[in-house]
Structures are given as C-alpha cells and as structure tokens.
Amino acid sequence: MKTSNENKTNRKAWTNQEDDQLRQLFSMHKRKWRVIACAMKSGRTDKQVRDRWVHHLDRNINLSPLSPIEKKIIVEKCRTIGHKWAEIAKCLPVSGRTPLMIRNYWHSQNRQAFHRIRERMSVSILLN
C-alpha cells in the first residue's frame, strides 16, 4: 500500500529546457496534456504540464502589470460576486489576464493590508 508521501510528485523549478520542450510538444499535440507529459520524460504530471502552459507559457497571457482600472474592477467584482476569479478575468478591459493572476493580486493586497493594520496596532499598543 502506498503512503501519502509516495503519491506526491516532486516539486522542482521548471528549467528553460523543459519550457522549450513543452513549447515544441504543444505545437505538435496542442492540449493533449497526458501525451505531452509522457513525451517530456521529465517526471512531470499532465496537470503540472497543463498548469505551466496555462499560467506561464501561453503567448496569450498578458504579463504586464495590472492597470489602476483593472485593480479597481477586481476590488469591485470581489465585493459583488465574490472570489470567482475566472468571471472577474472576463470583466477586465485588457485580455490575457488569468484567474490565477487575479487571485494572486487579491491575496497580495489583503496580505499587505493585514500587515499595515498589525503595524498600526503595535504602534498604538506601544504608545499607550
């Protein structure tokens, strides 16, 4: 019987060589992730291969910083429809934003706000 540790895949950084190989295999096999993963022979799963393509290598991804308008829309949509990242991505005026990009932006902003609040509380405790 396999333990839970044996079922886990190794997490390692993607190399430039793997990225190049994935681009080449994608041009031949399109979205056949299992076929691509097997052809890569790097131990990557079909899910890892798909995620790498969808979130990092796809040429349709817009990697430029979010504009102030996009940031405002993200905040407004999170308030009205919640954390439906794919739906929010469709509402943005700039195409090529992935749901993962939007989620990461949202969480980074909340983390920063939390740290600012905590710092203010620490200062007020020290002053009292």
N, C-alpha and C. Protein backbone atom coordinates (compact mmCIF):
# COMPACT_ATOMS: atom_id res chain seq x y z
N MET A 1 0.84 -1.18 0.00
CA MET A 1 0.00 0.00 0.00
C MET A 1 0.89 1.25 0.00
N LYS A 2 0.55 2.21 -0.84
CA LYS A 2 1.34 3.44 -0.94
C LYS A 2 0.99 4.39 0.18
N THR A 3 2.00 5.04 0.70
CA THR A 3 1.76 6.08 1.69
C THR A 3 1.46 7.39 0.97
N SER A 4 0.95 8.35 1.71
CA SER A 4 0.62 9.62 1.07
C SER A 4 1.86 10.30 0.51
N ASN A 5 3.02 10.09 1.13
CA ASN A 5 4.26 10.70 0.61
C ASN A 5 4.67 10.10 -0.72
N GLU A 6 4.37 8.83 -0.94
CA GLU A 6 4.74 8.19 -2.20
C GLU A 6 3.87 8.68 -3.35
N ASN A 7 2.67 9.17 -3.06
CA ASN A 7 1.77 9.66 -4.10
C ASN A 7 2.10 11.08 -4.53
N LYS A 8 2.86 11.79 -3.74
CA LYS A 8 3.18 13.18 -4.06
C LYS A 8 4.24 13.24 -5.15
N THR A 9 4.07 14.21 -6.04
CA THR A 9 5.07 14.42 -7.08
C THR A 9 6.15 15.34 -6.54
N ASN A 10 7.32 15.22 -7.10
CA ASN A 10 8.42 16.09 -6.68
C ASN A 10 8.17 17.50 -7.20
N ARG A 11 8.35 18.46 -6.34
CA ARG A 11 8.22 19.85 -6.74
C ARG A 11 9.61 20.37 -7.03
N LYS A 12 9.81 20.78 -8.24
CA LYS A 12 11.09 21.36 -8.61
C LYS A 12 10.84 22.46 -9.62
N ALA A 13 11.73 23.40 -9.67
CA ALA A 13 11.58 24.52 -10.58
C ALA A 13 11.67 24.03 -12.02
N TRP A 14 10.89 24.67 -12.88
CA TRP A 14 10.95 24.35 -14.30
C TRP A 14 12.23 24.94 -14.88
N THR A 15 12.87 24.19 -15.74
CA THR A 15 14.08 24.67 -16.40
C THR A 15 13.72 25.29 -17.74
N ASN A 16 14.62 26.09 -18.29
CA ASN A 16 14.41 26.65 -19.63
C ASN A 16 14.29 25.54 -20.66
N GLN A 17 15.04 24.47 -20.47
CA GLN A 17 14.99 23.33 -21.39
C GLN A 17 13.61 22.69 -21.36
N GLU A 18 13.04 22.52 -20.17
CA GLU A 18 11.69 21.96 -20.08
C GLU A 18 10.66 22.88 -20.73
N ASP A 19 10.80 24.19 -20.51
CA ASP A 19 9.88 25.14 -21.13
C ASP A 19 9.96 25.05 -22.66
N ASP A 20 11.17 25.00 -23.19
CA ASP A 20 11.35 24.88 -24.64
C ASP A 20 10.74 23.59 -25.16
N GLN A 21 10.96 22.50 -24.43
CA GLN A 21 10.41 21.21 -24.84
C GLN A 21 8.88 21.26 -24.80
N LEU A 22 8.32 21.87 -23.78
CA LEU A 22 6.87 21.98 -23.67
C LEU A 22 6.31 22.80 -24.83
N ARG A 23 6.96 23.91 -25.18
CA ARG A 23 6.50 24.71 -26.33
C ARG A 23 6.50 23.89 -27.61
N GLN A 24 7.56 23.13 -27.82
CA GLN A 24 7.68 22.31 -29.02
C GLN A 24 6.60 21.23 -29.05
N LEU A 25 6.43 20.54 -27.94
CA LEU A 25 5.43 19.47 -27.88
C LEU A 25 4.01 20.02 -27.98
N PHE A 26 3.77 21.19 -27.42
CA PHE A 26 2.45 21.80 -27.52
C PHE A 26 2.12 22.12 -28.98
N SER A 27 3.11 22.57 -29.74
CA SER A 27 2.86 22.89 -31.15
C SER A 27 2.47 21.64 -31.94
N MET A 28 2.92 20.48 -31.48
CA MET A 28 2.59 19.22 -32.17
C MET A 28 1.31 18.59 -31.65
N HIS A 29 1.09 18.64 -30.35
CA HIS A 29 -0.01 17.88 -29.73
C HIS A 29 -1.13 18.75 -29.16
N LYS A 30 -1.00 20.05 -29.24
CA LYS A 30 -1.97 21.01 -28.69
C LYS A 30 -2.26 20.71 -27.23
N ARG A 31 -3.50 20.46 -26.87
CA ARG A 31 -3.88 20.33 -25.45
C ARG A 31 -3.98 18.89 -24.98
N LYS A 32 -3.20 18.03 -25.54
CA LYS A 32 -3.16 16.63 -25.09
C LYS A 32 -2.09 16.52 -24.00
N TRP A 33 -2.47 16.97 -22.80
CA TRP A 33 -1.51 17.13 -21.71
C TRP A 33 -0.85 15.83 -21.30
N ARG A 34 -1.59 14.74 -21.27
CA ARG A 34 -1.00 13.46 -20.87
C ARG A 34 0.04 13.01 -21.89
N VAL A 35 -0.26 13.19 -23.17
CA VAL A 35 0.69 12.83 -24.23
C VAL A 35 1.96 13.67 -24.10
N ILE A 36 1.78 14.96 -23.87
CA ILE A 36 2.92 15.86 -23.73
C ILE A 36 3.76 15.48 -22.51
N ALA A 37 3.10 15.22 -21.38
CA ALA A 37 3.82 14.86 -20.15
C ALA A 37 4.64 13.59 -20.36
N CYS A 38 4.06 12.60 -21.01
CA CYS A 38 4.79 11.35 -21.27
C CYS A 38 5.97 11.59 -22.20
N ALA A 39 5.77 12.42 -23.22
CA ALA A 39 6.84 12.69 -24.18
C ALA A 39 7.99 13.48 -23.56
N MET A 40 7.69 14.27 -22.55
CA MET A 40 8.74 15.07 -21.91
C MET A 40 9.72 14.21 -21.13
N LYS A 41 9.26 13.12 -20.58
CA LYS A 41 10.12 12.19 -19.82
C LYS A 41 10.89 12.90 -18.70
N SER A 42 10.24 13.87 -18.09
CA SER A 42 10.90 14.61 -17.01
C SER A 42 10.27 14.31 -15.65
N GLY A 43 9.27 13.44 -15.65
CA GLY A 43 8.59 13.14 -14.40
C GLY A 43 7.47 14.11 -14.07
N ARG A 44 7.18 15.03 -14.97
CA ARG A 44 6.09 15.98 -14.76
C ARG A 44 4.76 15.29 -15.06
N THR A 45 3.75 15.64 -14.26
CA THR A 45 2.42 15.09 -14.50
C THR A 45 1.70 15.91 -15.56
N ASP A 46 0.61 15.35 -16.09
CA ASP A 46 -0.16 16.10 -17.08
C ASP A 46 -0.73 17.38 -16.46
N LYS A 47 -1.08 17.36 -15.18
CA LYS A 47 -1.58 18.56 -14.52
C LYS A 47 -0.48 19.62 -14.41
N GLN A 48 0.73 19.20 -14.07
CA GLN A 48 1.84 20.16 -13.98
C GLN A 48 2.13 20.78 -15.35
N VAL A 49 2.08 19.96 -16.38
CA VAL A 49 2.35 20.44 -17.74
C VAL A 49 1.28 21.44 -18.16
N ARG A 50 0.01 21.09 -17.91
CA ARG A 50 -1.09 21.99 -18.26
C ARG A 50 -0.96 23.31 -17.50
N ASP A 51 -0.73 23.23 -16.19
CA ASP A 51 -0.62 24.45 -15.39
C ASP A 51 0.54 25.33 -15.85
N ARG A 52 1.66 24.72 -16.20
CA ARG A 52 2.80 25.50 -16.68
C ARG A 52 2.42 26.25 -17.95
N TRP A 53 1.72 25.56 -18.85
CA TRP A 53 1.33 26.19 -20.11
C TRP A 53 0.31 27.31 -19.86
N VAL A 54 -0.75 26.98 -19.16
CA VAL A 54 -1.87 27.91 -18.98
C VAL A 54 -1.47 29.15 -18.19
N HIS A 55 -0.61 28.99 -17.18
CA HIS A 55 -0.30 30.11 -16.30
C HIS A 55 1.01 30.83 -16.59
N HIS A 56 1.86 30.25 -17.46
CA HIS A 56 3.17 30.86 -17.66
C HIS A 56 3.63 30.97 -19.11
N LEU A 57 3.35 29.98 -19.94
CA LEU A 57 3.97 29.95 -21.27
C LEU A 57 3.05 30.35 -22.42
N ASP A 58 1.76 30.26 -22.24
CA ASP A 58 0.82 30.60 -23.31
C ASP A 58 1.07 32.04 -23.77
N ARG A 59 1.20 32.23 -25.06
CA ARG A 59 1.51 33.56 -25.61
C ARG A 59 0.35 34.55 -25.45
N ASN A 60 -0.84 34.04 -25.15
CA ASN A 60 -1.99 34.92 -24.97
C ASN A 60 -2.06 35.55 -23.58
N ILE A 61 -1.16 35.16 -22.71
CA ILE A 61 -1.14 35.70 -21.35
C ILE A 61 -0.52 37.09 -21.38
N ASN A 62 -1.18 38.02 -20.71
CA ASN A 62 -0.68 39.39 -20.60
C ASN A 62 0.09 39.50 -19.28
N LEU A 63 1.40 39.61 -19.36
CA LEU A 63 2.25 39.65 -18.17
C LEU A 63 2.57 41.07 -17.69
N SER A 64 2.00 42.07 -18.34
CA SER A 64 2.26 43.45 -17.90
C SER A 64 1.57 43.69 -16.56
N PRO A 65 2.05 44.67 -15.80
CA PRO A 65 1.41 44.96 -14.50
C PRO A 65 -0.05 45.36 -14.68
N LEU A 66 -0.86 45.06 -13.68
CA LEU A 66 -2.26 45.46 -13.71
C LEU A 66 -2.36 46.97 -13.70
N SER A 67 -3.29 47.50 -14.49
CA SER A 67 -3.52 48.94 -14.51
C SER A 67 -4.38 49.34 -13.30
N PRO A 68 -4.38 50.62 -12.96
CA PRO A 68 -5.26 51.07 -11.86
C PRO A 68 -6.73 50.74 -12.11
N ILE A 69 -7.16 50.82 -13.36
CA ILE A 69 -8.56 50.49 -13.69
C ILE A 69 -8.83 49.01 -13.43
N GLU A 70 -7.90 48.15 -13.85
CA GLU A 70 -8.07 46.72 -13.61
C GLU A 70 -8.12 46.42 -12.11
N LYS A 71 -7.27 47.06 -11.34
CA LYS A 71 -7.25 46.85 -9.89
C LYS A 71 -8.59 47.26 -9.27
N LYS A 72 -9.13 48.39 -9.74
CA LYS A 72 -10.41 48.86 -9.23
C LYS A 72 -11.53 47.87 -9.56
N ILE A 73 -11.52 47.35 -10.78
CA ILE A 73 -12.54 46.38 -11.19
C ILE A 73 -12.44 45.12 -10.34
N ILE A 74 -11.23 44.66 -10.09
CA ILE A 74 -11.04 43.45 -9.27
C ILE A 74 -11.65 43.65 -7.88
N VAL A 75 -11.37 44.79 -7.27
CA VAL A 75 -11.91 45.07 -5.93
C VAL A 75 -13.44 45.11 -5.97
N GLU A 76 -13.99 45.82 -6.95
CA GLU A 76 -15.45 45.94 -7.06
C GLU A 76 -16.10 44.58 -7.29
N LYS A 77 -15.53 43.79 -8.19
CA LYS A 77 -16.12 42.49 -8.51
C LYS A 77 -16.01 41.52 -7.34
N CYS A 78 -14.92 41.58 -6.59
CA CYS A 78 -14.80 40.71 -5.41
C CYS A 78 -15.88 41.03 -4.39
N ARG A 79 -16.23 42.31 -4.30
CA ARG A 79 -17.30 42.71 -3.36
C ARG A 79 -18.66 42.24 -3.85
N THR A 80 -18.89 42.28 -5.17
CA THR A 80 -20.23 41.96 -5.68
C THR A 80 -20.43 40.48 -5.98
N ILE A 81 -19.43 39.82 -6.59
CA ILE A 81 -19.64 38.41 -6.96
C ILE A 81 -18.76 37.45 -6.18
N GLY A 82 -17.89 37.97 -5.35
CA GLY A 82 -17.03 37.10 -4.55
C GLY A 82 -15.77 36.70 -5.30
N HIS A 83 -15.19 35.62 -4.88
CA HIS A 83 -13.89 35.18 -5.41
C HIS A 83 -14.04 34.27 -6.62
N LYS A 84 -14.76 34.72 -7.60
CA LYS A 84 -14.95 33.97 -8.85
C LYS A 84 -13.94 34.53 -9.86
N TRP A 85 -12.71 34.05 -9.72
CA TRP A 85 -11.58 34.63 -10.44
C TRP A 85 -11.75 34.58 -11.95
N ALA A 86 -12.27 33.48 -12.49
CA ALA A 86 -12.45 33.37 -13.95
C ALA A 86 -13.48 34.39 -14.44
N GLU A 87 -14.55 34.58 -13.68
CA GLU A 87 -15.56 35.57 -14.07
C GLU A 87 -14.99 36.98 -14.01
N ILE A 88 -14.20 37.24 -12.99
CA ILE A 88 -13.59 38.57 -12.85
C ILE A 88 -12.63 38.82 -14.02
N ALA A 89 -11.88 37.80 -14.42
CA ALA A 89 -10.94 37.96 -15.54
C ALA A 89 -11.67 38.38 -16.80
N LYS A 90 -12.88 37.86 -17.01
CA LYS A 90 -13.66 38.21 -18.20
C LYS A 90 -14.15 39.65 -18.17
N CYS A 91 -14.23 40.24 -16.99
CA CYS A 91 -14.72 41.62 -16.85
C CYS A 91 -13.64 42.67 -17.09
N LEU A 92 -12.40 42.25 -17.14
CA LEU A 92 -11.31 43.22 -17.28
C LEU A 92 -11.21 43.72 -18.71
N PRO A 93 -10.87 45.00 -18.89
CA PRO A 93 -10.79 45.57 -20.24
C PRO A 93 -9.59 45.05 -21.04
N VAL A 94 -8.60 44.52 -20.35
CA VAL A 94 -7.40 44.00 -21.02
C VAL A 94 -7.50 42.48 -21.05
N SER A 95 -7.34 41.89 -22.23
CA SER A 95 -7.42 40.43 -22.31
C SER A 95 -6.09 39.81 -21.92
N GLY A 96 -6.14 38.52 -21.63
CA GLY A 96 -4.91 37.80 -21.32
C GLY A 96 -4.58 37.73 -19.84
N ARG A 97 -5.50 38.13 -19.00
CA ARG A 97 -5.30 38.01 -17.55
C ARG A 97 -5.87 36.67 -17.11
N THR A 98 -5.08 35.89 -16.41
CA THR A 98 -5.54 34.58 -15.96
C THR A 98 -6.22 34.71 -14.60
N PRO A 99 -7.12 33.77 -14.29
CA PRO A 99 -7.72 33.76 -12.96
C PRO A 99 -6.67 33.70 -11.85
N LEU A 100 -5.58 32.98 -12.09
CA LEU A 100 -4.51 32.88 -11.10
C LEU A 100 -3.87 34.24 -10.84
N MET A 101 -3.66 35.02 -11.88
CA MET A 101 -3.08 36.37 -11.71
C MET A 101 -3.98 37.23 -10.83
N ILE A 102 -5.27 37.14 -11.07
CA ILE A 102 -6.23 37.95 -10.32
C ILE A 102 -6.27 37.51 -8.86
N ARG A 103 -6.31 36.21 -8.65
CA ARG A 103 -6.32 35.68 -7.28
C ARG A 103 -5.05 36.10 -6.54
N ASN A 104 -3.91 35.97 -7.19
CA ASN A 104 -2.65 36.35 -6.55
C ASN A 104 -2.61 37.84 -6.21
N TYR A 105 -3.13 38.67 -7.12
CA TYR A 105 -3.19 40.11 -6.84
C TYR A 105 -4.07 40.35 -5.61
N TRP A 106 -5.25 39.76 -5.58
CA TRP A 106 -6.19 39.96 -4.48
C TRP A 106 -5.57 39.56 -3.14
N HIS A 107 -4.96 38.39 -3.10
CA HIS A 107 -4.38 37.92 -1.85
C HIS A 107 -3.17 38.75 -1.43
N SER A 108 -2.38 39.22 -2.39
CA SER A 108 -1.22 40.05 -2.03
C SER A 108 -1.69 41.38 -1.44
N GLN A 109 -2.77 41.93 -1.97
CA GLN A 109 -3.30 43.19 -1.44
C GLN A 109 -3.85 42.99 -0.03
N ASN A 110 -4.54 41.88 0.19
CA ASN A 110 -5.08 41.61 1.52
C ASN A 110 -3.96 41.36 2.53
N ARG A 111 -2.90 40.69 2.10
CA ARG A 111 -1.75 40.44 2.97
C ARG A 111 -1.10 41.76 3.37
N GLN A 112 -0.93 42.65 2.40
CA GLN A 112 -0.32 43.95 2.68
C GLN A 112 -1.20 44.76 3.63
N ALA A 113 -2.50 44.73 3.42
CA ALA A 113 -3.42 45.46 4.29
C ALA A 113 -3.36 44.90 5.71
N PHE A 114 -3.30 43.59 5.83
CA PHE A 114 -3.21 42.95 7.14
C PHE A 114 -1.95 43.41 7.88
N HIS A 115 -0.83 43.45 7.17
CA HIS A 115 0.43 43.86 7.80
C HIS A 115 0.39 45.34 8.22
N ARG A 116 -0.25 46.19 7.42
CA ARG A 116 -0.38 47.61 7.79
C ARG A 116 -1.22 47.76 9.06
N ILE A 117 -2.31 47.01 9.14
CA ILE A 117 -3.18 47.07 10.32
C ILE A 117 -2.43 46.57 11.55
N ARG A 118 -1.71 45.48 11.39
CA ARG A 118 -0.96 44.92 12.51
C ARG A 118 0.11 45.90 13.00
N GLU A 119 0.78 46.59 12.06
CA GLU A 119 1.79 47.57 12.45
C GLU A 119 1.16 48.73 13.22
N ARG A 120 -0.01 49.20 12.76
CA ARG A 120 -0.70 50.29 13.46
C ARG A 120 -1.08 49.87 14.87
N MET A 121 -1.55 48.63 14.99
CA MET A 121 -1.94 48.14 16.32
C MET A 121 -0.73 48.05 17.23
N SER A 122 0.39 47.61 16.70
CA SER A 122 1.62 47.51 17.50
C SER A 122 2.07 48.88 17.98
N VAL A 123 2.00 49.86 17.10
CA VAL A 123 2.41 51.22 17.45
C VAL A 123 1.47 51.78 18.52
N SER A 124 0.17 51.57 18.37
CA SER A 124 -0.77 52.11 19.36
C SER A 124 -0.60 51.44 20.71
N ILE A 125 -0.26 50.17 20.73
CA ILE A 125 -0.02 49.47 21.99
C ILE A 125 1.23 50.03 22.67
N LEU A 126 2.25 50.30 21.88
CA LEU A 126 3.49 50.86 22.44
C LEU A 126 3.29 52.27 22.99
N LEU A 127 2.43 53.05 22.33
CA LEU A 127 2.21 54.43 22.76
C LEU A 127 1.34 54.51 24.01
N ASN A 128 0.55 53.50 24.26
CA ASN A 128 -0.35 53.53 25.43
C ASN A 128 0.30 53.02 26.67
